[in-house]
Amino acid sequence: MPDKPKSPKLEKSAPVSAKQPPRRSEAKRPEKPAPRPIFTDWASI
């Protein structure tokens, strides 16, 4: 029983959430983490 209700939910929630988050997370992550890691590297060295 748990296999049937879980499979349709995961299939619908997975593709929808997997397509939207990657676009916003990838666009925001490289912008902020890029300048920060550079300063941290120079400071650590």
C-alpha atoms as a PDB file:
ATOM      1  CA  MET A   1       0.000   0.000   0.000  1.00  0.00           C
ATOM      2  CA  PRO A   2       2.744   2.545   0.888  1.00  0.00           C
ATOM      3  CA  ASP A   3       4.466   1.829  -2.445  1.00  0.00           C
ATOM      4  CA  LYS A   4       1.477   3.009  -4.520  1.00  0.00           C
ATOM      5  CA  PRO A   5       0.663   6.345  -2.766  1.00  0.00           C
ATOM      6  CA  LYS A   6       4.369   7.202  -2.444  1.00  0.00           C
ATOM      7  CA  SER A   7       5.345   6.492  -6.063  1.00  0.00           C
ATOM      8  CA  PRO A   8       2.815   8.926  -7.658  1.00  0.00           C
ATOM      9  CA  LYS A   9       3.663  11.639  -5.110  1.00  0.00           C
ATOM     10  CA  LEU A  10       7.434  11.300  -5.546  1.00  0.00           C
ATOM     11  CA  GLU A  11       7.127  11.234  -9.335  1.00  0.00           C
ATOM     12  CA  LYS A  12       5.042  14.431  -9.426  1.00  0.00           C
ATOM     13  CA  SER A  13       6.867  16.303  -6.648  1.00  0.00           C
ATOM     14  CA  ALA A  14      10.337  15.199  -7.806  1.00  0.00           C
ATOM     15  CA  PRO A  15      10.248  16.506 -11.416  1.00  0.00           C
ATOM     16  CA  VAL A  16       8.469  19.744 -10.464  1.00  0.00           C
ATOM     17  CA  SER A  17      10.726  20.571  -7.499  1.00  0.00           C
ATOM     18  CA  ALA A  18      13.845  19.290  -9.279  1.00  0.00           C
ATOM     19  CA  LYS A  19      13.274  21.577 -12.276  1.00  0.00           C
ATOM     20  CA  GLN A  20      12.466  24.797 -10.384  1.00  0.00           C
ATOM     21  CA  PRO A  21      15.015  24.821  -7.486  1.00  0.00           C
ATOM     22  CA  PRO A  22      18.059  24.073  -9.714  1.00  0.00           C
ATOM     23  CA  ARG A  23      17.432  27.223 -11.767  1.00  0.00           C
ATOM     24  CA  ARG A  24      17.094  29.582  -8.795  1.00  0.00           C
ATOM     25  CA  SER A  25      19.690  27.862  -6.595  1.00  0.00           C
ATOM     26  CA  GLU A  26      22.291  27.702  -9.380  1.00  0.00           C
ATOM     27  CA  ALA A  27      21.780  31.341 -10.327  1.00  0.00           C
ATOM     28  CA  LYS A  28      22.043  32.592  -6.730  1.00  0.00           C
ATOM     29  CA  ARG A  29      24.786  30.232  -5.529  1.00  0.00           C
ATOM     30  CA  PRO A  30      27.541  31.040  -8.077  1.00  0.00           C
ATOM     31  CA  GLU A  31      26.951  34.774  -7.592  1.00  0.00           C
ATOM     32  CA  LYS A  32      27.401  34.957  -3.793  1.00  0.00           C
ATOM     33  CA  PRO A  33      29.778  32.013  -3.073  1.00  0.00           C
ATOM     34  CA  ALA A  34      32.079  33.125  -5.915  1.00  0.00           C
ATOM     35  CA  PRO A  35      33.261  36.444  -4.344  1.00  0.00           C
ATOM     36  CA  ARG A  36      33.289  35.036  -0.806  1.00  0.00           C
ATOM     37  CA  PRO A  37      35.543  31.981  -1.438  1.00  0.00           C
ATOM     38  CA  ILE A  38      38.081  34.252  -3.163  1.00  0.00           C
ATOM     39  CA  PHE A  39      38.470  36.505  -0.107  1.00  0.00           C
ATOM     40  CA  THR A  40      38.567  33.525   2.271  1.00  0.00           C
ATOM     41  CA  ASP A  41      41.292  31.861   0.169  1.00  0.00           C
ATOM     42  CA  TRP A  42      43.507  34.959   0.139  1.00  0.00           C
ATOM     43  CA  ALA A  43      42.994  35.490   3.872  1.00  0.00           C
ATOM     44  CA  SER A  44      43.812  31.858   4.662  1.00  0.00           C
ATOM     45  CA  ILE A  45      46.951  31.954   2.504  1.00  0.00           C
END
